[in-house]
Amino acid sequence: MITCVVYYTIDPAQIEAFERFARAWMGLVARHGGVHHGYFLPAEGASDRAEALFSFESLAAYERYRARFGSDPDFLAADRIRDESGCVLRYERTFMRPLLPTDGAAVAS
């Protein structure tokens, strides 16, 4: 499994547009074989930071998903939300592999 972590710098005045953008992408990830773990948005105080995490079974599966970006109308519509609203100022993407508890219990610190 590979998890994509996306760090966003957002326009706090465009949080509603960012939420529309995020909901569109959650559906696209699920439709194309991934598991979306959600977007994490500012909760209190002024903040311009948001994050998203989603996983695919492999990097190859992620690349198949990415190959649809330029031509699939639903991907293009999601990007239009971002582009027309200016809700995303910049983003950074990194890939991680999860290390999860083997017995389902939380790991003690």
PDB file of N, CA and C in Angstrom:
ATOM      1  N   MET A   1       0.848  -1.179   0.000  1.00  0.00           N
ATOM      2  CA  MET A   1       0.000   0.000   0.000  1.00  0.00           C
ATOM      3  C   MET A   1       0.888   1.234   0.000  1.00  0.00           C
ATOM      4  N   ILE A   2       0.414   2.256  -0.701  1.00  0.00           N
ATOM      5  CA  ILE A   2       1.110   3.540  -0.711  1.00  0.00           C
ATOM      6  C   ILE A   2       0.082   4.626  -0.394  1.00  0.00           C
ATOM      7  N   THR A   3       0.474   5.547   0.477  1.00  0.00           N
ATOM      8  CA  THR A   3      -0.413   6.633   0.871  1.00  0.00           C
ATOM      9  C   THR A   3       0.161   7.945   0.375  1.00  0.00           C
ATOM     10  N   CYS A   4      -0.675   8.689  -0.308  1.00  0.00           N
ATOM     11  CA  CYS A   4      -0.312  10.015  -0.787  1.00  0.00           C
ATOM     12  C   CYS A   4      -0.767  11.018   0.268  1.00  0.00           C
ATOM     13  N   VAL A   5       0.159  11.850   0.713  1.00  0.00           N
ATOM     14  CA  VAL A   5      -0.145  12.914   1.661  1.00  0.00           C
ATOM     15  C   VAL A   5       0.042  14.226   0.906  1.00  0.00           C
ATOM     16  N   VAL A   6      -1.017  15.031   0.892  1.00  0.00           N
ATOM     17  CA  VAL A   6      -0.961  16.310   0.181  1.00  0.00           C
ATOM     18  C   VAL A   6      -1.112  17.429   1.205  1.00  0.00           C
ATOM     19  N   TYR A   7      -0.124  18.323   1.228  1.00  0.00           N
ATOM     20  CA  TYR A   7      -0.135  19.501   2.100  1.00  0.00           C
ATOM     21  C   TYR A   7      -0.541  20.686   1.241  1.00  0.00           C
ATOM     22  N   TYR A   8      -1.626  21.339   1.621  1.00  0.00           N
ATOM     23  CA  TYR A   8      -2.150  22.474   0.861  1.00  0.00           C
ATOM     24  C   TYR A   8      -1.937  23.772   1.620  1.00  0.00           C
ATOM     25  N   THR A   9      -1.625  24.828   0.882  1.00  0.00           N
ATOM     26  CA  THR A   9      -1.774  26.183   1.373  1.00  0.00           C
ATOM     27  C   THR A   9      -3.014  26.700   0.671  1.00  0.00           C
ATOM     28  N   ILE A  10      -4.016  27.087   1.475  1.00  0.00           N
ATOM     29  CA  ILE A  10      -5.309  27.474   0.914  1.00  0.00           C
ATOM     30  C   ILE A  10      -5.598  28.940   1.214  1.00  0.00           C
ATOM     31  N   ASP A  11      -6.547  29.472   0.471  1.00  0.00           N
ATOM     32  CA  ASP A  11      -7.057  30.813   0.742  1.00  0.00           C
ATOM     33  C   ASP A  11      -8.180  30.658   1.766  1.00  0.00           C
ATOM     34  N   PRO A  12      -7.984  31.106   3.015  1.00  0.00           N
ATOM     35  CA  PRO A  12      -9.016  30.926   4.035  1.00  0.00           C
ATOM     36  C   PRO A  12     -10.356  31.562   3.665  1.00  0.00           C
ATOM     37  N   ALA A  13     -10.346  32.557   2.803  1.00  0.00           N
ATOM     38  CA  ALA A  13     -11.593  33.187   2.369  1.00  0.00           C
ATOM     39  C   ALA A  13     -12.349  32.309   1.370  1.00  0.00           C
ATOM     40  N   GLN A  14     -11.696  31.258   0.892  1.00  0.00           N
ATOM     41  CA  GLN A  14     -12.311  30.368  -0.097  1.00  0.00           C
ATOM     42  C   GLN A  14     -12.512  28.953   0.457  1.00  0.00           C
ATOM     43  N   ILE A  15     -12.722  28.837   1.776  1.00  0.00           N
ATOM     44  CA  ILE A  15     -12.836  27.518   2.405  1.00  0.00           C
ATOM     45  C   ILE A  15     -14.018  26.721   1.838  1.00  0.00           C
ATOM     46  N   GLU A  16     -15.132  27.374   1.537  1.00  0.00           N
ATOM     47  CA  GLU A  16     -16.282  26.647   0.976  1.00  0.00           C
ATOM     48  C   GLU A  16     -15.934  26.066  -0.392  1.00  0.00           C
ATOM     49  N   ALA A  17     -15.224  26.810  -1.202  1.00  0.00           N
ATOM     50  CA  ALA A  17     -14.791  26.300  -2.504  1.00  0.00           C
ATOM     51  C   ALA A  17     -13.818  25.144  -2.317  1.00  0.00           C
ATOM     52  N   PHE A  18     -12.923  25.269  -1.342  1.00  0.00           N
ATOM     53  CA  PHE A  18     -11.985  24.176  -1.084  1.00  0.00           C
ATOM     54  C   PHE A  18     -12.743  22.913  -0.669  1.00  0.00           C
ATOM     55  N   GLU A  19     -13.783  23.066   0.141  1.00  0.00           N
ATOM     56  CA  GLU A  19     -14.572  21.901   0.549  1.00  0.00           C
ATOM     57  C   GLU A  19     -15.255  21.253  -0.658  1.00  0.00           C
ATOM     58  N   ARG A  20     -15.765  22.040  -1.607  1.00  0.00           N
ATOM     59  CA  ARG A  20     -16.354  21.475  -2.830  1.00  0.00           C
ATOM     60  C   ARG A  20     -15.294  20.727  -3.628  1.00  0.00           C
ATOM     61  N   PHE A  21     -14.130  21.342  -3.764  1.00  0.00           N
ATOM     62  CA  PHE A  21     -12.996  20.723  -4.451  1.00  0.00           C
ATOM     63  C   PHE A  21     -12.637  19.396  -3.770  1.00  0.00           C
ATOM     64  N   ALA A  22     -12.541  19.404  -2.443  1.00  0.00           N
ATOM     65  CA  ALA A  22     -12.154  18.209  -1.681  1.00  0.00           C
ATOM     66  C   ALA A  22     -13.184  17.094  -1.853  1.00  0.00           C
ATOM     67  N   ARG A  23     -14.463  17.423  -1.758  1.00  0.00           N
ATOM     68  CA  ARG A  23     -15.502  16.397  -1.909  1.00  0.00           C
ATOM     69  C   ARG A  23     -15.458  15.763  -3.303  1.00  0.00           C
ATOM     70  N   ALA A  24     -15.192  16.565  -4.304  1.00  0.00           N
ATOM     71  CA  ALA A  24     -15.077  16.031  -5.667  1.00  0.00           C
ATOM     72  C   ALA A  24     -13.924  15.039  -5.756  1.00  0.00           C
ATOM     73  N   TRP A  25     -12.778  15.399  -5.182  1.00  0.00           N
ATOM     74  CA  TRP A  25     -11.612  14.518  -5.249  1.00  0.00           C
ATOM     75  C   TRP A  25     -11.783  13.254  -4.415  1.00  0.00           C
ATOM     76  N   MET A  26     -12.481  13.340  -3.283  1.00  0.00           N
ATOM     77  CA  MET A  26     -12.720  12.125  -2.497  1.00  0.00           C
ATOM     78  C   MET A  26     -13.497  11.106  -3.330  1.00  0.00           C
ATOM     79  N   GLY A  27     -14.494  11.575  -4.051  1.00  0.00           N
ATOM     80  CA  GLY A  27     -15.268  10.678  -4.909  1.00  0.00           C
ATOM     81  C   GLY A  27     -14.449  10.095  -6.041  1.00  0.00           C
ATOM     82  N   LEU A  28     -13.576  10.901  -6.625  1.00  0.00           N
ATOM     83  CA  LEU A  28     -12.742  10.427  -7.733  1.00  0.00           C
ATOM     84  C   LEU A  28     -11.752   9.364  -7.274  1.00  0.00           C
ATOM     85  N   VAL A  29     -11.140   9.559  -6.127  1.00  0.00           N
ATOM     86  CA  VAL A  29     -10.200   8.567  -5.601  1.00  0.00           C
ATOM     87  C   VAL A  29     -10.928   7.246  -5.387  1.00  0.00           C
ATOM     88  N   ALA A  30     -12.090   7.296  -4.739  1.00  0.00           N
ATOM     89  CA  ALA A  30     -12.851   6.073  -4.468  1.00  0.00           C
ATOM     90  C   ALA A  30     -13.286   5.390  -5.767  1.00  0.00           C
ATOM     91  N   ARG A  31     -13.744   6.174  -6.720  1.00  0.00           N
ATOM     92  CA  ARG A  31     -14.218   5.617  -7.990  1.00  0.00           C
ATOM     93  C   ARG A  31     -13.110   4.929  -8.770  1.00  0.00           C
ATOM     94  N   HIS A  32     -11.876   5.374  -8.572  1.00  0.00           N
ATOM     95  CA  HIS A  32     -10.762   4.850  -9.360  1.00  0.00           C
ATOM     96  C   HIS A  32      -9.837   3.943  -8.550  1.00  0.00           C
ATOM     97  N   GLY A  33     -10.393   3.312  -7.503  1.00  0.00           N
ATOM     98  CA  GLY A  33      -9.674   2.237  -6.829  1.00  0.00           C
ATOM     99  C   GLY A  33      -8.899   2.599  -5.588  1.00  0.00           C
ATOM    100  N   GLY A  34      -8.962   3.830  -5.156  1.00  0.00           N
ATOM    101  CA  GLY A  34      -8.239   4.230  -3.953  1.00  0.00           C
ATOM    102  C   GLY A  34      -9.149   4.300  -2.745  1.00  0.00           C
ATOM    103  N   VAL A  35      -8.535   4.530  -1.608  1.00  0.00           N
ATOM    104  CA  VAL A  35      -9.259   4.747  -0.358  1.00  0.00           C
ATOM    105  C   VAL A  35      -8.872   6.135   0.130  1.00  0.00           C
ATOM    106  N   HIS A  36      -9.859   7.010   0.239  1.00  0.00           N
ATOM    107  CA  HIS A  36      -9.578   8.367   0.717  1.00  0.00           C
ATOM    108  C   HIS A  36      -9.771   8.389   2.218  1.00  0.00           C
ATOM    109  N   HIS A  37      -8.772   8.900   2.933  1.00  0.00           N
ATOM    110  CA  HIS A  37      -8.820   8.968   4.394  1.00  0.00           C
ATOM    111  C   HIS A  37      -9.321  10.326   4.871  1.00  0.00           C
ATOM    112  N   GLY A  38      -9.628  11.207   3.942  1.00  0.00           N
ATOM    113  CA  GLY A  38     -10.220  12.482   4.283  1.00  0.00           C
ATOM    114  C   GLY A  38      -9.296  13.662   4.074  1.00  0.00           C
ATOM    115  N   TYR A  39      -9.930  14.811   4.137  1.00  0.00           N
ATOM    116  CA  TYR A  39      -9.234  16.091   4.141  1.00  0.00           C
ATOM    117  C   TYR A  39      -9.276  16.606   5.567  1.00  0.00           C
ATOM    118  N   PHE A  40      -8.243  17.272   5.968  1.00  0.00           N
ATOM    119  CA  PHE A  40      -8.142  17.819   7.313  1.00  0.00           C
ATOM    120  C   PHE A  40      -7.987  19.324   7.156  1.00  0.00           C
ATOM    121  N   LEU A  41      -9.022  20.039   7.615  1.00  0.00           N
ATOM    122  CA  LEU A  41      -9.149  21.475   7.379  1.00  0.00           C
ATOM    123  C   LEU A  41      -8.940  22.249   8.667  1.00  0.00           C
ATOM    124  N   PRO A  42      -8.631  23.531   8.549  1.00  0.00           N
ATOM    125  CA  PRO A  42      -8.484  24.344   9.753  1.00  0.00           C
ATOM    126  C   PRO A  42      -9.750  24.273  10.605  1.00  0.00           C
ATOM    127  N   ALA A  43      -9.566  24.127  11.913  1.00  0.00           N
ATOM    128  CA  ALA A  43     -10.710  24.001  12.817  1.00  0.00           C
ATOM    129  C   ALA A  43     -10.917  25.244  13.661  1.00  0.00           C
ATOM    130  N   GLU A  44      -9.841  25.854  14.110  1.00  0.00           N
ATOM    131  CA  GLU A  44      -9.961  27.035  14.963  1.00  0.00           C
ATOM    132  C   GLU A  44      -8.903  28.049  14.576  1.00  0.00           C
ATOM    133  N   GLY A  45      -9.277  29.291  14.667  1.00  0.00           N
ATOM    134  CA  GLY A  45      -8.329  30.352  14.366  1.00  0.00           C
ATOM    135  C   GLY A  45      -8.059  30.453  12.872  1.00  0.00           C
ATOM    136  N   ALA A  46      -7.340  31.484  12.528  1.00  0.00           N
ATOM    137  CA  ALA A  46      -6.989  31.700  11.124  1.00  0.00           C
ATOM    138  C   ALA A  46      -5.891  30.721  10.730  1.00  0.00           C
ATOM    139  N   SER A  47      -6.102  30.032   9.658  1.00  0.00           N
ATOM    140  CA  SER A  47      -5.097  29.101   9.165  1.00  0.00           C
ATOM    141  C   SER A  47      -5.247  28.959   7.660  1.00  0.00           C
ATOM    142  N   ASP A  48      -4.133  28.780   7.002  1.00  0.00           N
ATOM    143  CA  ASP A  48      -4.150  28.594   5.561  1.00  0.00           C
ATOM    144  C   ASP A  48      -3.637  27.208   5.182  1.00  0.00           C
ATOM    145  N   ARG A  49      -3.746  26.273   6.108  1.00  0.00           N
ATOM    146  CA  ARG A  49      -3.188  24.937   5.896  1.00  0.00           C
ATOM    147  C   ARG A  49      -4.285  23.877   5.917  1.00  0.00           C
ATOM    148  N   ALA A  50      -4.204  22.948   4.962  1.00  0.00           N
ATOM    149  CA  ALA A  50      -5.093  21.795   4.921  1.00  0.00           C
ATOM    150  C   ALA A  50      -4.272  20.604   4.444  1.00  0.00           C
ATOM    151  N   GLU A  51      -4.750  19.412   4.740  1.00  0.00           N
ATOM    152  CA  GLU A  51      -4.053  18.200   4.329  1.00  0.00           C
ATOM    153  C   GLU A  51      -5.055  17.174   3.838  1.00  0.00           C
ATOM    154  N   ALA A  52      -4.578  16.270   2.995  1.00  0.00           N
ATOM    155  CA  ALA A  52      -5.383  15.150   2.516  1.00  0.00           C
ATOM    156  C   ALA A  52      -4.521  13.904   2.530  1.00  0.00           C
ATOM    157  N   LEU A  53      -5.146  12.775   2.807  1.00  0.00           N
ATOM    158  CA  LEU A  53      -4.464  11.486   2.762  1.00  0.00           C
ATOM    159  C   LEU A  53      -5.344  10.506   1.997  1.00  0.00           C
ATOM    160  N   PHE A  54      -4.743   9.796   1.063  1.00  0.00           N
ATOM    161  CA  PHE A  54      -5.458   8.741   0.365  1.00  0.00           C
ATOM    162  C   PHE A  54      -4.468   7.667  -0.055  1.00  0.00           C
ATOM    163  N   SER A  55      -4.967   6.441  -0.157  1.00  0.00           N
ATOM    164  CA  SER A  55      -4.099   5.293  -0.417  1.00  0.00           C
ATOM    165  C   SER A  55      -4.545   4.517  -1.640  1.00  0.00           C
ATOM    166  N   PHE A  56      -3.560   3.901  -2.281  1.00  0.00           N
ATOM    167  CA  PHE A  56      -3.780   2.949  -3.365  1.00  0.00           C
ATOM    168  C   PHE A  56      -2.984   1.704  -3.036  1.00  0.00           C
ATOM    169  N   GLU A  57      -3.384   0.591  -3.630  1.00  0.00           N
ATOM    170  CA  GLU A  57      -2.723  -0.678  -3.323  1.00  0.00           C
ATOM    171  C   GLU A  57      -1.247  -0.679  -3.713  1.00  0.00           C
ATOM    172  N   SER A  58      -0.883   0.153  -4.679  1.00  0.00           N
ATOM    173  CA  SER A  58       0.503   0.202  -5.140  1.00  0.00           C
ATOM    174  C   SER A  58       0.744   1.521  -5.871  1.00  0.00           C
ATOM    175  N   LEU A  59       2.013   1.809  -6.117  1.00  0.00           N
ATOM    176  CA  LEU A  59       2.340   3.004  -6.897  1.00  0.00           C
ATOM    177  C   LEU A  59       1.810   2.860  -8.322  1.00  0.00           C
ATOM    178  N   ALA A  60       1.825   1.649  -8.862  1.00  0.00           N
ATOM    179  CA  ALA A  60       1.291   1.417 -10.207  1.00  0.00           C
ATOM    180  C   ALA A  60      -0.202   1.746 -10.263  1.00  0.00           C
ATOM    181  N   ALA A  61      -0.956   1.366  -9.229  1.00  0.00           N
ATOM    182  CA  ALA A  61      -2.392   1.677  -9.177  1.00  0.00           C
ATOM    183  C   ALA A  61      -2.597   3.187  -9.097  1.00  0.00           C
ATOM    184  N   TYR A  62      -1.756   3.865  -8.320  1.00  0.00           N
ATOM    185  CA  TYR A  62      -1.832   5.326  -8.239  1.00  0.00           C
ATOM    186  C   TYR A  62      -1.543   5.940  -9.608  1.00  0.00           C
ATOM    187  N   GLU A  63      -0.556   5.433 -10.312  1.00  0.00           N
ATOM    188  CA  GLU A  63      -0.202   5.976 -11.631  1.00  0.00           C
ATOM    189  C   GLU A  63      -1.337   5.770 -12.631  1.00  0.00           C
ATOM    190  N   ARG A  64      -2.064   4.668 -12.549  1.00  0.00           N
ATOM    191  CA  ARG A  64      -3.228   4.468 -13.432  1.00  0.00           C
ATOM    192  C   ARG A  64      -4.293   5.526 -13.150  1.00  0.00           C
ATOM    193  N   TYR A  65      -4.504   5.806 -11.886  1.00  0.00           N
ATOM    194  CA  TYR A  65      -5.440   6.862 -11.474  1.00  0.00           C
ATOM    195  C   TYR A  65      -4.977   8.220 -12.022  1.00  0.00           C
ATOM    196  N   ARG A  66      -3.698   8.531 -11.861  1.00  0.00           N
ATOM    197  CA  ARG A  66      -3.155   9.813 -12.321  1.00  0.00           C
ATOM    198  C   ARG A  66      -3.240   9.968 -13.837  1.00  0.00           C
ATOM    199  N   ALA A  67      -3.181   8.862 -14.569  1.00  0.00           N
ATOM    200  CA  ALA A  67      -3.204   8.916 -16.033  1.00  0.00           C
ATOM    201  C   ALA A  67      -4.513   9.497 -16.555  1.00  0.00           C
ATOM    202  N   ARG A  68      -5.558   9.491 -15.746  1.00  0.00           N
ATOM    203  CA  ARG A  68      -6.872  10.000 -16.179  1.00  0.00           C
ATOM    204  C   ARG A  68      -7.009  11.511 -16.009  1.00  0.00           C
ATOM    205  N   PHE A  69      -6.080  12.156 -15.339  1.00  0.00           N
ATOM    206  CA  PHE A  69      -6.222  13.562 -14.962  1.00  0.00           C
ATOM    207  C   PHE A  69      -6.505  14.490 -16.132  1.00  0.00           C
ATOM    208  N   GLY A  70      -5.811  14.337 -17.224  1.00  0.00           N
ATOM    209  CA  GLY A  70      -5.917  15.302 -18.307  1.00  0.00           C
ATOM    210  C   GLY A  70      -7.094  15.116 -19.237  1.00  0.00           C
ATOM    211  N   SER A  71      -7.773  13.950 -19.157  1.00  0.00           N
ATOM    212  CA  SER A  71      -8.808  13.672 -20.146  1.00  0.00           C
ATOM    213  C   SER A  71     -10.186  13.370 -19.566  1.00  0.00           C
ATOM    214  N   ASP A  72     -10.272  12.886 -18.355  1.00  0.00           N
ATOM    215  CA  ASP A  72     -11.557  12.521 -17.753  1.00  0.00           C
ATOM    216  C   ASP A  72     -12.327  13.787 -17.380  1.00  0.00           C
ATOM    217  N   PRO A  73     -13.566  13.943 -17.850  1.00  0.00           N
ATOM    218  CA  PRO A  73     -14.335  15.172 -17.577  1.00  0.00           C
ATOM    219  C   PRO A  73     -14.555  15.436 -16.086  1.00  0.00           C
ATOM    220  N   ASP A  74     -14.672  14.391 -15.272  1.00  0.00           N
ATOM    221  CA  ASP A  74     -14.878  14.587 -13.839  1.00  0.00           C
ATOM    222  C   ASP A  74     -13.619  15.132 -13.164  1.00  0.00           C
ATOM    223  N   PHE A  75     -12.458  14.675 -13.610  1.00  0.00           N
ATOM    224  CA  PHE A  75     -11.204  15.220 -13.077  1.00  0.00           C
ATOM    225  C   PHE A  75     -11.070  16.689 -13.477  1.00  0.00           C
ATOM    226  N   LEU A  76     -11.394  16.977 -14.729  1.00  0.00           N
ATOM    227  CA  LEU A  76     -11.298  18.355 -15.213  1.00  0.00           C
ATOM    228  C   LEU A  76     -12.262  19.271 -14.456  1.00  0.00           C
ATOM    229  N   ALA A  77     -13.457  18.780 -14.153  1.00  0.00           N
ATOM    230  CA  ALA A  77     -14.444  19.586 -13.408  1.00  0.00           C
ATOM    231  C   ALA A  77     -13.942  19.876 -11.994  1.00  0.00           C
ATOM    232  N   ALA A  78     -13.327  18.884 -11.358  1.00  0.00           N
ATOM    233  CA  ALA A  78     -12.791  19.097 -10.011  1.00  0.00           C
ATOM    234  C   ALA A  78     -11.679  20.149 -10.040  1.00  0.00           C
ATOM    235  N   ASP A  79     -10.828  20.053 -11.029  1.00  0.00           N
ATOM    236  CA  ASP A  79      -9.758  21.051 -11.147  1.00  0.00           C
ATOM    237  C   ASP A  79     -10.299  22.446 -11.426  1.00  0.00           C
ATOM    238  N   ARG A  80     -11.408  22.539 -12.147  1.00  0.00           N
ATOM    239  CA  ARG A  80     -12.013  23.852 -12.424  1.00  0.00           C
ATOM    240  C   ARG A  80     -12.450  24.540 -11.129  1.00  0.00           C
ATOM    241  N   ILE A  81     -12.959  23.761 -10.179  1.00  0.00           N
ATOM    242  CA  ILE A  81     -13.341  24.347  -8.885  1.00  0.00           C
ATOM    243  C   ILE A  81     -12.132  25.045  -8.273  1.00  0.00           C
ATOM    244  N   ARG A  82     -11.007  24.347  -8.258  1.00  0.00           N
ATOM    245  CA  ARG A  82      -9.771  24.903  -7.700  1.00  0.00           C
ATOM    246  C   ARG A  82      -9.310  26.121  -8.492  1.00  0.00           C
ATOM    247  N   ASP A  83      -9.265  25.982  -9.803  1.00  0.00           N
ATOM    248  CA  ASP A  83      -8.719  27.044 -10.644  1.00  0.00           C
ATOM    249  C   ASP A  83      -9.585  28.303 -10.643  1.00  0.00           C
ATOM    250  N   GLU A  84     -10.895  28.126 -10.719  1.00  0.00           N
ATOM    251  CA  GLU A  84     -11.785  29.285 -10.803  1.00  0.00           C
ATOM    252  C   GLU A  84     -11.936  30.004  -9.468  1.00  0.00           C
ATOM    253  N   SER A  85     -11.846  29.284  -8.367  1.00  0.00           N
ATOM    254  CA  SER A  85     -12.015  29.911  -7.049  1.00  0.00           C
ATOM    255  C   SER A  85     -10.705  30.444  -6.475  1.00  0.00           C
ATOM    256  N   GLY A  86      -9.599  29.865  -6.899  1.00  0.00           N
ATOM    257  CA  GLY A  86      -8.318  30.229  -6.293  1.00  0.00           C
ATOM    258  C   GLY A  86      -8.171  29.716  -4.877  1.00  0.00           C
ATOM    259  N   CYS A  87      -8.935  28.667  -4.530  1.00  0.00           N
ATOM    260  CA  CYS A  87      -8.917  28.169  -3.142  1.00  0.00           C
ATOM    261  C   CYS A  87      -7.592  27.514  -2.767  1.00  0.00           C
ATOM    262  N   VAL A  88      -6.865  26.970  -3.736  1.00  0.00           N
ATOM    263  CA  VAL A  88      -5.556  26.359  -3.464  1.00  0.00           C
ATOM    264  C   VAL A  88      -4.485  27.304  -3.984  1.00  0.00           C
ATOM    265  N   LEU A  89      -3.637  27.754  -3.070  1.00  0.00           N
ATOM    266  CA  LEU A  89      -2.542  28.644  -3.458  1.00  0.00           C
ATOM    267  C   LEU A  89      -1.325  27.846  -3.915  1.00  0.00           C
ATOM    268  N   ARG A  90      -1.075  26.727  -3.236  1.00  0.00           N
ATOM    269  CA  ARG A  90      -0.011  25.798  -3.628  1.00  0.00           C
ATOM    270  C   ARG A  90      -0.207  24.499  -2.863  1.00  0.00           C
ATOM    271  N   TYR A  91       0.466  23.470  -3.340  1.00  0.00           N
ATOM    272  CA  TYR A  91       0.394  22.182  -2.644  1.00  0.00           C
ATOM    273  C   TYR A  91       1.693  21.412  -2.837  1.00  0.00           C
ATOM    274  N   GLU A  92       1.899  20.480  -1.962  1.00  0.00           N
ATOM    275  CA  GLU A  92       3.077  19.614  -1.994  1.00  0.00           C
ATOM    276  C   GLU A  92       2.588  18.193  -1.755  1.00  0.00           C
ATOM    277  N   ARG A  93       3.059  17.273  -2.557  1.00  0.00           N
ATOM    278  CA  ARG A  93       2.624  15.882  -2.473  1.00  0.00           C
ATOM    279  C   ARG A  93       3.821  15.011  -2.090  1.00  0.00           C
ATOM    280  N   THR A  94       3.586  14.075  -1.187  1.00  0.00           N
ATOM    281  CA  THR A  94       4.613  13.107  -0.834  1.00  0.00           C
ATOM    282  C   THR A  94       3.956  11.748  -0.673  1.00  0.00           C
ATOM    283  N   PHE A  95       4.728  10.692  -0.818  1.00  0.00           N
ATOM    284  CA  PHE A  95       4.218   9.332  -0.694  1.00  0.00           C
ATOM    285  C   PHE A  95       4.828   8.668   0.522  1.00  0.00           C
ATOM    286  N   MET A  96       3.976   7.977   1.241  1.00  0.00           N
ATOM    287  CA  MET A  96       4.416   7.307   2.457  1.00  0.00           C
ATOM    288  C   MET A  96       3.831   5.901   2.471  1.00  0.00           C
ATOM    289  N   ARG A  97       4.431   5.042   3.265  1.00  0.00           N
ATOM    290  CA  ARG A  97       3.862   3.720   3.483  1.00  0.00           C
ATOM    291  C   ARG A  97       3.456   3.644   4.945  1.00  0.00           C
ATOM    292  N   PRO A  98       2.252   3.187   5.183  1.00  0.00           N
ATOM    293  CA  PRO A  98       1.791   3.149   6.571  1.00  0.00           C
ATOM    294  C   PRO A  98       2.429   2.002   7.348  1.00  0.00           C
ATOM    295  N   LEU A  99       2.698   2.243   8.596  1.00  0.00           N
ATOM    296  CA  LEU A  99       3.097   1.215   9.548  1.00  0.00           C
ATOM    297  C   LEU A  99       1.958   1.156  10.553  1.00  0.00           C
ATOM    298  N   LEU A 100       1.199   0.083  10.506  1.00  0.00           N
ATOM    299  CA  LEU A 100      -0.016  -0.019  11.302  1.00  0.00           C
ATOM    300  C   LEU A 100       0.145  -1.081  12.389  1.00  0.00           C
ATOM    301  N   PRO A 101      -0.613  -0.951  13.473  1.00  0.00           N
ATOM    302  CA  PRO A 101      -0.570  -1.984  14.509  1.00  0.00           C
ATOM    303  C   PRO A 101      -0.991  -3.327  13.911  1.00  0.00           C
ATOM    304  N   THR A 102      -0.326  -4.395  14.293  1.00  0.00           N
ATOM    305  CA  THR A 102      -0.655  -5.699  13.731  1.00  0.00           C
ATOM    306  C   THR A 102      -1.854  -6.350  14.406  1.00  0.00           C
ATOM    307  N   ASP A 103      -2.152  -5.958  15.637  1.00  0.00           N
ATOM    308  CA  ASP A 103      -3.278  -6.578  16.332  1.00  0.00           C
ATOM    309  C   ASP A 103      -4.516  -5.699  16.358  1.00  0.00           C
ATOM    310  N   GLY A 104      -4.484  -4.564  15.664  1.00  0.00           N
ATOM    311  CA  GLY A 104      -5.635  -3.673  15.626  1.00  0.00           C
ATOM    312  C   GLY A 104      -5.721  -2.732  16.812  1.00  0.00           C
ATOM    313  N   ALA A 105      -4.872  -2.929  17.812  1.00  0.00           N
ATOM    314  CA  ALA A 105      -4.883  -2.060  18.991  1.00  0.00           C
ATOM    315  C   ALA A 105      -3.970  -0.868  18.746  1.00  0.00           C
ATOM    316  N   ALA A 106      -4.272   0.190  19.454  1.00  0.00           N
ATOM    317  CA  ALA A 106      -3.426   1.384  19.348  1.00  0.00           C
ATOM    318  C   ALA A 106      -2.047   1.084  19.933  1.00  0.00           C
ATOM    319  N   VAL A 107      -1.052   1.692  19.337  1.00  0.00           N
ATOM    320  CA  VAL A 107       0.314   1.516  19.814  1.00  0.00           C
ATOM    321  C   VAL A 107       0.536   2.438  21.009  1.00  0.00           C
ATOM    322  N   ALA A 108       1.032   1.882  22.116  1.00  0.00           N
ATOM    323  CA  ALA A 108       1.316   2.693  23.301  1.00  0.00           C
ATOM    324  C   ALA A 108       2.581   3.484  23.081  1.00  0.00           C
ATOM    325  N   SER A 109       2.609   4.691  23.620  1.00  0.00           N
ATOM    326  CA  SER A 109       3.810   5.509  23.450  1.00  0.00           C
ATOM    327  C   SER A 109       4.635   5.504  24.706  1.00  0.00           C
TER     328      SER A 109
END
